[in-house]
N, C-alpha and C. Protein backbone atom coordinates (compact mmCIF):
# COMPACT_ATOMS: atom_id res chain seq x y z
N MET A 1 101.03 -87.43 210.29
CA MET A 1 101.80 -86.20 210.32
C MET A 1 101.18 -85.21 209.35
N SER A 2 101.04 -83.96 209.76
CA SER A 2 100.42 -82.97 208.89
C SER A 2 101.42 -82.44 207.87
N MET A 3 100.88 -82.05 206.75
CA MET A 3 101.70 -81.52 205.67
C MET A 3 101.98 -80.05 205.91
N PRO A 4 103.16 -79.56 205.47
CA PRO A 4 103.42 -78.12 205.61
C PRO A 4 102.42 -77.33 204.78
N PRO A 5 102.08 -76.13 205.24
CA PRO A 5 101.09 -75.34 204.52
C PRO A 5 101.58 -74.96 203.13
N THR A 6 100.68 -74.99 202.20
CA THR A 6 100.94 -74.53 200.83
C THR A 6 100.07 -73.30 200.62
N PRO A 7 100.34 -72.54 199.56
CA PRO A 7 99.49 -71.38 199.31
C PRO A 7 98.00 -71.74 199.22
N GLN A 8 97.70 -72.97 198.78
CA GLN A 8 96.30 -73.37 198.66
C GLN A 8 95.65 -73.64 200.02
N ASN A 9 96.42 -74.11 201.02
CA ASN A 9 95.80 -74.42 202.30
C ASN A 9 96.29 -73.51 203.44
N LEU A 10 96.93 -72.42 203.09
CA LEU A 10 97.44 -71.50 204.10
C LEU A 10 96.32 -70.94 204.97
N ASP A 11 95.14 -70.74 204.39
CA ASP A 11 94.02 -70.21 205.17
C ASP A 11 93.51 -71.21 206.20
N ARG A 12 93.98 -72.45 206.15
CA ARG A 12 93.61 -73.47 207.14
C ARG A 12 94.77 -73.82 208.05
N ASP A 13 95.87 -73.07 207.97
CA ASP A 13 97.01 -73.30 208.85
C ASP A 13 96.59 -72.91 210.26
N PHE A 14 96.68 -73.86 211.19
CA PHE A 14 96.16 -73.68 212.54
C PHE A 14 96.74 -72.46 213.25
N LEU A 15 98.06 -72.34 213.27
CA LEU A 15 98.68 -71.23 214.00
C LEU A 15 98.37 -69.88 213.37
N ILE A 16 98.40 -69.83 212.06
CA ILE A 16 98.08 -68.56 211.38
C ILE A 16 96.63 -68.18 211.64
N LEU A 17 95.74 -69.15 211.55
CA LEU A 17 94.33 -68.89 211.78
C LEU A 17 94.08 -68.42 213.22
N LEU A 18 94.71 -69.08 214.19
CA LEU A 18 94.57 -68.69 215.59
C LEU A 18 95.08 -67.26 215.81
N HIS A 19 96.22 -66.95 215.21
CA HIS A 19 96.78 -65.60 215.30
C HIS A 19 95.84 -64.57 214.66
N ASP A 20 95.33 -64.90 213.48
CA ASP A 20 94.43 -63.98 212.78
C ASP A 20 93.15 -63.69 213.57
N VAL A 21 92.57 -64.73 214.16
CA VAL A 21 91.35 -64.55 214.94
C VAL A 21 91.64 -63.66 216.15
N ALA A 22 92.74 -63.92 216.85
CA ALA A 22 93.09 -63.09 218.01
C ALA A 22 93.31 -61.64 217.60
N ARG A 23 93.99 -61.43 216.48
CA ARG A 23 94.25 -60.07 215.99
C ARG A 23 92.95 -59.37 215.64
N LEU A 24 92.04 -60.08 214.96
CA LEU A 24 90.75 -59.48 214.60
C LEU A 24 89.93 -59.12 215.84
N LEU A 25 89.96 -59.96 216.85
CA LEU A 25 89.26 -59.64 218.10
C LEU A 25 89.85 -58.40 218.75
N ARG A 26 91.18 -58.34 218.80
CA ARG A 26 91.83 -57.16 219.40
C ARG A 26 91.46 -55.90 218.63
N THR A 27 91.46 -55.99 217.30
CA THR A 27 91.13 -54.84 216.45
C THR A 27 89.70 -54.37 216.72
N ARG A 28 88.77 -55.32 216.79
CA ARG A 28 87.38 -54.95 217.05
C ARG A 28 87.22 -54.29 218.42
N PHE A 29 87.88 -54.84 219.45
CA PHE A 29 87.81 -54.24 220.78
C PHE A 29 88.46 -52.86 220.78
N ASP A 30 89.57 -52.70 220.07
CA ASP A 30 90.22 -51.38 219.95
C ASP A 30 89.24 -50.37 219.37
N GLN A 31 88.60 -50.74 218.26
CA GLN A 31 87.67 -49.83 217.60
C GLN A 31 86.51 -49.45 218.52
N HIS A 32 85.96 -50.43 219.21
CA HIS A 32 84.82 -50.14 220.09
C HIS A 32 85.24 -49.29 221.29
N ALA A 33 86.38 -49.60 221.87
CA ALA A 33 86.86 -48.80 223.01
C ALA A 33 87.05 -47.35 222.60
N ARG A 34 87.56 -47.13 221.39
CA ARG A 34 87.78 -45.76 220.91
C ARG A 34 86.48 -44.98 220.80
N THR A 35 85.38 -45.68 220.49
CA THR A 35 84.09 -44.96 220.41
C THR A 35 83.66 -44.43 221.77
N HIS A 36 84.30 -44.93 222.82
CA HIS A 36 84.01 -44.47 224.18
C HIS A 36 85.17 -43.65 224.76
N GLY A 37 86.07 -43.21 223.87
CA GLY A 37 87.17 -42.35 224.30
C GLY A 37 88.25 -43.06 225.08
N MET A 38 88.38 -44.37 224.87
CA MET A 38 89.38 -45.14 225.61
C MET A 38 90.13 -46.04 224.64
N THR A 39 91.08 -46.78 225.19
CA THR A 39 91.81 -47.76 224.39
C THR A 39 91.49 -49.16 224.93
N ARG A 40 91.76 -50.16 224.11
CA ARG A 40 91.58 -51.54 224.55
C ARG A 40 92.43 -51.83 225.78
N ALA A 41 93.64 -51.29 225.79
CA ALA A 41 94.54 -51.50 226.93
C ALA A 41 93.93 -50.94 228.21
N GLN A 42 93.29 -49.77 228.13
CA GLN A 42 92.63 -49.20 229.31
C GLN A 42 91.45 -50.07 229.73
N TRP A 43 90.71 -50.59 228.74
CA TRP A 43 89.59 -51.48 229.05
C TRP A 43 90.09 -52.74 229.74
N VAL A 44 91.22 -53.27 229.27
CA VAL A 44 91.79 -54.49 229.88
C VAL A 44 92.11 -54.22 231.35
N ILE A 45 92.69 -53.06 231.62
CA ILE A 45 93.04 -52.73 233.01
C ILE A 45 91.78 -52.62 233.86
N LEU A 46 90.76 -51.94 233.36
CA LEU A 46 89.52 -51.82 234.12
C LEU A 46 88.90 -53.20 234.37
N ALA A 47 88.83 -54.02 233.34
CA ALA A 47 88.23 -55.35 233.47
C ALA A 47 89.03 -56.21 234.44
N ARG A 48 90.35 -56.15 234.35
CA ARG A 48 91.19 -56.96 235.24
C ARG A 48 91.04 -56.51 236.68
N LEU A 49 91.02 -55.20 236.91
CA LEU A 49 90.87 -54.70 238.28
C LEU A 49 89.49 -54.97 238.86
N SER A 50 88.49 -55.12 237.99
CA SER A 50 87.16 -55.47 238.51
C SER A 50 87.16 -56.91 239.01
N ARG A 51 87.99 -57.76 238.40
CA ARG A 51 88.07 -59.17 238.83
C ARG A 51 89.12 -59.38 239.91
N GLN A 52 90.16 -58.54 239.91
CA GLN A 52 91.25 -58.68 240.87
C GLN A 52 91.64 -57.32 241.44
N PRO A 53 90.78 -56.75 242.30
CA PRO A 53 91.12 -55.45 242.87
C PRO A 53 92.37 -55.53 243.73
N GLY A 54 93.12 -54.43 243.72
CA GLY A 54 94.29 -54.35 244.59
C GLY A 54 95.58 -54.87 243.98
N LEU A 55 95.58 -55.10 242.67
CA LEU A 55 96.83 -55.50 242.03
C LEU A 55 97.82 -54.34 242.06
N SER A 56 99.10 -54.65 242.09
CA SER A 56 100.11 -53.60 241.94
C SER A 56 100.33 -53.38 240.44
N GLN A 57 100.99 -52.28 240.11
CA GLN A 57 101.29 -52.02 238.69
C GLN A 57 102.18 -53.12 238.12
N ASN A 58 103.14 -53.60 238.91
CA ASN A 58 104.02 -54.67 238.44
C ASN A 58 103.25 -55.95 238.18
N GLU A 59 102.35 -56.30 239.09
CA GLU A 59 101.53 -57.50 238.89
C GLU A 59 100.67 -57.36 237.64
N LEU A 60 100.08 -56.19 237.47
CA LEU A 60 99.23 -55.94 236.31
C LEU A 60 100.06 -55.98 235.02
N ALA A 61 101.25 -55.46 235.06
CA ALA A 61 102.13 -55.49 233.89
C ALA A 61 102.45 -56.94 233.50
N GLY A 62 102.70 -57.77 234.50
CA GLY A 62 102.98 -59.17 234.23
C GLY A 62 101.80 -59.88 233.59
N ILE A 63 100.61 -59.61 234.10
CA ILE A 63 99.39 -60.21 233.56
C ILE A 63 99.15 -59.75 232.13
N CYS A 64 99.36 -58.45 231.89
CA CYS A 64 99.11 -57.86 230.57
C CYS A 64 100.28 -58.07 229.60
N GLU A 65 101.38 -58.59 230.12
CA GLU A 65 102.59 -58.84 229.32
C GLU A 65 103.12 -57.57 228.66
N VAL A 66 103.19 -56.51 229.47
CA VAL A 66 103.78 -55.26 229.03
C VAL A 66 104.72 -54.78 230.12
N GLU A 67 105.50 -53.77 229.83
CA GLU A 67 106.42 -53.21 230.80
C GLU A 67 105.65 -52.42 231.86
N PRO A 68 106.16 -52.41 233.10
CA PRO A 68 105.49 -51.64 234.16
C PRO A 68 105.31 -50.16 233.82
N ILE A 69 106.25 -49.58 233.08
CA ILE A 69 106.12 -48.17 232.71
C ILE A 69 104.89 -47.95 231.82
N THR A 70 104.59 -48.93 230.97
CA THR A 70 103.42 -48.84 230.09
C THR A 70 102.15 -48.85 230.93
N VAL A 71 102.08 -49.76 231.89
CA VAL A 71 100.92 -49.82 232.79
C VAL A 71 100.83 -48.52 233.58
N GLY A 72 101.97 -48.01 234.03
CA GLY A 72 101.98 -46.76 234.78
C GLY A 72 101.34 -45.62 234.01
N ARG A 73 101.67 -45.51 232.73
CA ARG A 73 101.10 -44.44 231.90
C ARG A 73 99.60 -44.63 231.70
N LEU A 74 99.20 -45.88 231.46
CA LEU A 74 97.77 -46.16 231.29
C LEU A 74 97.00 -45.85 232.57
N VAL A 75 97.56 -46.24 233.71
CA VAL A 75 96.91 -45.97 234.99
C VAL A 75 96.88 -44.47 235.26
N ASP A 76 97.93 -43.75 234.89
CA ASP A 76 97.93 -42.28 235.03
C ASP A 76 96.70 -41.69 234.33
N ARG A 77 96.44 -42.15 233.10
CA ARG A 77 95.30 -41.62 232.34
C ARG A 77 93.98 -42.00 233.00
N LEU A 78 93.88 -43.26 233.44
CA LEU A 78 92.65 -43.70 234.10
C LEU A 78 92.45 -42.97 235.43
N GLU A 79 93.53 -42.72 236.13
CA GLU A 79 93.46 -41.98 237.39
C GLU A 79 93.02 -40.55 237.12
N GLY A 80 93.55 -39.96 236.05
CA GLY A 80 93.18 -38.60 235.68
C GLY A 80 91.70 -38.46 235.33
N ARG A 81 91.11 -39.55 234.88
CA ARG A 81 89.67 -39.55 234.55
C ARG A 81 88.82 -39.93 235.75
N GLY A 82 89.45 -40.18 236.89
CA GLY A 82 88.71 -40.52 238.10
C GLY A 82 88.15 -41.94 238.10
N LEU A 83 88.80 -42.85 237.34
CA LEU A 83 88.30 -44.22 237.25
C LEU A 83 89.08 -45.20 238.14
N VAL A 84 90.33 -44.86 238.43
CA VAL A 84 91.22 -45.74 239.19
C VAL A 84 91.96 -44.89 240.21
N GLU A 85 92.29 -45.51 241.34
CA GLU A 85 93.15 -44.82 242.30
C GLU A 85 94.23 -45.77 242.78
N ARG A 86 95.35 -45.16 243.13
CA ARG A 86 96.47 -45.90 243.71
C ARG A 86 96.38 -45.75 245.22
N ARG A 87 96.48 -46.89 245.92
CA ARG A 87 96.46 -46.85 247.39
C ARG A 87 97.72 -47.53 247.92
N SER A 88 98.22 -47.02 249.00
CA SER A 88 99.40 -47.63 249.62
C SER A 88 99.07 -49.03 250.12
N ASP A 89 100.02 -49.92 249.95
CA ASP A 89 99.89 -51.27 250.48
C ASP A 89 100.12 -51.21 251.98
N PRO A 90 99.21 -51.74 252.80
CA PRO A 90 99.38 -51.65 254.26
C PRO A 90 100.60 -52.41 254.78
N LYS A 91 101.09 -53.38 254.01
CA LYS A 91 102.23 -54.19 254.46
C LYS A 91 103.57 -53.72 253.90
N ASP A 92 103.52 -52.96 252.81
CA ASP A 92 104.76 -52.51 252.17
C ASP A 92 104.50 -51.14 251.54
N ARG A 93 105.03 -50.11 252.17
CA ARG A 93 104.76 -48.73 251.72
C ARG A 93 105.32 -48.43 250.33
N ARG A 94 106.23 -49.26 249.84
CA ARG A 94 106.80 -49.04 248.50
C ARG A 94 105.82 -49.42 247.40
N ILE A 95 104.83 -50.25 247.74
CA ILE A 95 103.90 -50.77 246.74
C ILE A 95 102.61 -49.96 246.76
N ARG A 96 102.14 -49.63 245.58
CA ARG A 96 100.85 -48.94 245.43
C ARG A 96 99.87 -49.92 244.79
N ARG A 97 98.73 -50.13 245.41
CA ARG A 97 97.71 -51.04 244.93
C ARG A 97 96.68 -50.26 244.12
N LEU A 98 96.18 -50.89 243.06
CA LEU A 98 95.24 -50.24 242.15
C LEU A 98 93.82 -50.67 242.46
N HIS A 99 92.93 -49.68 242.55
CA HIS A 99 91.52 -49.95 242.85
C HIS A 99 90.64 -49.10 241.95
N LEU A 100 89.52 -49.70 241.55
CA LEU A 100 88.55 -48.97 240.74
C LEU A 100 87.75 -48.02 241.61
N LEU A 101 87.36 -46.93 241.03
CA LEU A 101 86.48 -45.97 241.68
C LEU A 101 85.07 -46.15 241.10
N PRO A 102 84.05 -45.66 241.80
CA PRO A 102 82.67 -45.84 241.31
C PRO A 102 82.45 -45.34 239.88
N ALA A 103 83.18 -44.33 239.45
CA ALA A 103 83.02 -43.80 238.09
C ALA A 103 83.39 -44.81 237.01
N ALA A 104 84.09 -45.88 237.38
CA ALA A 104 84.47 -46.91 236.39
C ALA A 104 83.31 -47.84 236.06
N GLU A 105 82.30 -47.88 236.91
CA GLU A 105 81.20 -48.83 236.73
C GLU A 105 80.51 -48.71 235.36
N PRO A 106 80.17 -47.51 234.87
CA PRO A 106 79.54 -47.44 233.54
C PRO A 106 80.44 -48.00 232.43
N TYR A 107 81.73 -47.83 232.56
CA TYR A 107 82.66 -48.38 231.57
C TYR A 107 82.69 -49.90 231.65
N LEU A 108 82.65 -50.44 232.86
CA LEU A 108 82.63 -51.89 233.02
C LEU A 108 81.36 -52.48 232.41
N GLU A 109 80.24 -51.77 232.57
CA GLU A 109 78.99 -52.22 231.95
C GLU A 109 79.12 -52.23 230.43
N LYS A 110 79.74 -51.20 229.85
CA LYS A 110 79.94 -51.15 228.40
C LYS A 110 80.86 -52.27 227.94
N ILE A 111 81.92 -52.51 228.69
CA ILE A 111 82.86 -53.58 228.36
C ILE A 111 82.13 -54.92 228.36
N ASN A 112 81.37 -55.18 229.41
CA ASN A 112 80.67 -56.46 229.53
C ASN A 112 79.60 -56.62 228.45
N LYS A 113 78.88 -55.55 228.15
CA LYS A 113 77.86 -55.63 227.09
C LYS A 113 78.51 -55.91 225.74
N TYR A 114 79.61 -55.25 225.47
CA TYR A 114 80.28 -55.48 224.19
C TYR A 114 80.84 -56.90 224.13
N LYS A 115 81.41 -57.35 225.23
CA LYS A 115 81.95 -58.72 225.28
C LYS A 115 80.83 -59.74 225.03
N GLU A 116 79.67 -59.53 225.65
CA GLU A 116 78.53 -60.42 225.44
C GLU A 116 78.06 -60.38 223.98
N ALA A 117 77.98 -59.18 223.42
CA ALA A 117 77.55 -59.05 222.02
C ALA A 117 78.54 -59.73 221.08
N MET A 118 79.83 -59.55 221.35
CA MET A 118 80.86 -60.17 220.52
C MET A 118 80.78 -61.69 220.63
N THR A 119 80.58 -62.19 221.84
CA THR A 119 80.46 -63.64 222.03
C THR A 119 79.27 -64.18 221.24
N LEU A 120 78.14 -63.50 221.30
CA LEU A 120 76.97 -63.94 220.54
C LEU A 120 77.25 -63.90 219.04
N GLU A 121 77.90 -62.84 218.59
CA GLU A 121 78.19 -62.70 217.16
C GLU A 121 79.09 -63.82 216.65
N ILE A 122 80.17 -64.08 217.36
CA ILE A 122 81.13 -65.06 216.83
C ILE A 122 80.72 -66.50 217.10
N SER A 123 79.79 -66.71 218.03
CA SER A 123 79.36 -68.09 218.31
C SER A 123 78.08 -68.46 217.57
N GLU A 124 77.52 -67.52 216.82
CA GLU A 124 76.29 -67.80 216.09
C GLU A 124 76.50 -68.98 215.15
N GLY A 125 75.60 -69.94 215.23
CA GLY A 125 75.69 -71.11 214.36
C GLY A 125 76.61 -72.21 214.89
N ILE A 126 77.22 -71.99 216.04
CA ILE A 126 78.10 -73.00 216.64
C ILE A 126 77.36 -73.59 217.84
N ASP A 127 77.10 -74.89 217.81
CA ASP A 127 76.34 -75.50 218.89
C ASP A 127 77.14 -75.48 220.20
N GLU A 128 76.42 -75.64 221.30
CA GLU A 128 77.02 -75.53 222.63
C GLU A 128 78.14 -76.55 222.86
N HIS A 129 77.94 -77.77 222.39
CA HIS A 129 78.97 -78.80 222.57
C HIS A 129 80.26 -78.40 221.86
N THR A 130 80.15 -77.91 220.64
CA THR A 130 81.33 -77.49 219.89
C THR A 130 82.03 -76.33 220.59
N GLN A 131 81.25 -75.41 221.15
CA GLN A 131 81.84 -74.30 221.89
C GLN A 131 82.61 -74.80 223.10
N GLU A 132 82.05 -75.77 223.82
CA GLU A 132 82.73 -76.34 224.98
C GLU A 132 84.03 -77.03 224.57
N VAL A 133 83.99 -77.78 223.48
CA VAL A 133 85.20 -78.45 222.99
C VAL A 133 86.25 -77.41 222.60
N LEU A 134 85.82 -76.32 221.96
CA LEU A 134 86.75 -75.26 221.56
C LEU A 134 87.38 -74.61 222.79
N VAL A 135 86.58 -74.31 223.79
CA VAL A 135 87.11 -73.70 225.03
C VAL A 135 88.10 -74.66 225.69
N ASP A 136 87.74 -75.94 225.79
CA ASP A 136 88.65 -76.92 226.39
C ASP A 136 89.96 -77.00 225.61
N THR A 137 89.85 -76.97 224.28
CA THR A 137 91.05 -77.03 223.43
C THR A 137 91.93 -75.80 223.64
N LEU A 138 91.32 -74.63 223.67
CA LEU A 138 92.08 -73.40 223.89
C LEU A 138 92.73 -73.38 225.27
N LEU A 139 92.03 -73.88 226.28
CA LEU A 139 92.61 -73.95 227.62
C LEU A 139 93.80 -74.91 227.65
N ASN A 140 93.69 -75.99 226.92
CA ASN A 140 94.80 -76.94 226.82
C ASN A 140 96.01 -76.28 226.16
N ILE A 141 95.77 -75.57 225.07
CA ILE A 141 96.85 -74.87 224.37
C ILE A 141 97.49 -73.83 225.29
N LYS A 142 96.64 -73.06 225.97
CA LYS A 142 97.14 -72.03 226.89
C LYS A 142 98.00 -72.66 227.98
N SER A 143 97.55 -73.76 228.52
CA SER A 143 98.30 -74.46 229.57
C SER A 143 99.66 -74.90 229.06
N LYS A 144 99.71 -75.43 227.86
CA LYS A 144 100.98 -75.87 227.29
C LYS A 144 101.93 -74.69 227.05
N LEU A 145 101.38 -73.59 226.58
CA LEU A 145 102.21 -72.42 226.30
C LEU A 145 102.70 -71.71 227.55
N THR A 146 101.94 -71.84 228.64
CA THR A 146 102.34 -71.16 229.87
C THR A 146 103.16 -72.06 230.80
N ALA A 147 103.27 -73.34 230.46
CA ALA A 147 104.08 -74.25 231.29
C ALA A 147 105.52 -73.73 231.30
N GLU A 148 106.13 -73.70 232.48
CA GLU A 148 107.46 -73.13 232.63
C GLU A 148 108.49 -73.84 231.77
N GLY A 149 108.98 -73.12 230.76
CA GLY A 149 110.08 -73.61 229.95
C GLY A 149 109.79 -74.85 229.13
N ALA A 150 108.55 -75.33 229.12
CA ALA A 150 108.25 -76.59 228.44
C ALA A 150 108.48 -76.51 226.95
N GLN A 151 108.23 -75.37 226.35
CA GLN A 151 108.33 -75.27 224.89
C GLN A 151 109.73 -74.94 224.41
N LEU A 152 110.50 -74.21 225.20
CA LEU A 152 111.80 -73.75 224.73
C LEU A 152 112.73 -74.88 224.29
N PRO A 153 112.94 -75.92 225.09
CA PRO A 153 113.85 -76.99 224.63
C PRO A 153 113.36 -77.67 223.37
N LYS A 154 112.04 -77.88 223.22
CA LYS A 154 111.51 -78.52 222.02
C LYS A 154 111.77 -77.66 220.79
N LEU A 155 111.58 -76.35 220.90
CA LEU A 155 111.80 -75.47 219.78
C LEU A 155 113.27 -75.40 219.41
N GLN A 156 114.14 -75.40 220.42
CA GLN A 156 115.58 -75.36 220.15
C GLN A 156 116.00 -76.63 219.43
N MET A 157 115.46 -77.78 219.84
CA MET A 157 115.80 -79.04 219.20
C MET A 157 115.32 -79.06 217.75
N ALA A 158 114.20 -78.37 217.48
CA ALA A 158 113.65 -78.35 216.14
C ALA A 158 114.34 -77.33 215.26
N GLY A 159 115.30 -76.61 215.81
CA GLY A 159 116.05 -75.63 215.01
C GLY A 159 115.34 -74.30 214.88
N GLU A 160 114.36 -74.04 215.72
CA GLU A 160 113.62 -72.77 215.66
C GLU A 160 114.41 -71.68 216.34
């Protein structure tokens, strides 16, 4: 059984460290996106639509874990820049599907180049096997956290 974190070992607390790394990555992506006149959230939408064209705003909001109104505002800005367009769903006229326009391609190239550079920077000195184990571990954690309701009863029992 692991010991509760003390001030001396707080920097090795797994959850805090995982949170800190994720926050630092988000901060770095925010800063880089701003140098290109965009936000990380806009980059996320462009990257997601490049992998999954035709998502609705509601679907995209669910994936991004934000409210649909937030996605709507971000898409408004991207649409205003000629990077994204809303198209009617052929099966349901109430739904508007999101698609990238050709003008988004240079931004996608910048996103991918920065992602590759960031991956190289943070993986420097970490051998391939260790990287694979880390990815497998993170996928396992993600799977546990996304399992329907699996964590809620355990946390309630623990008094959280």
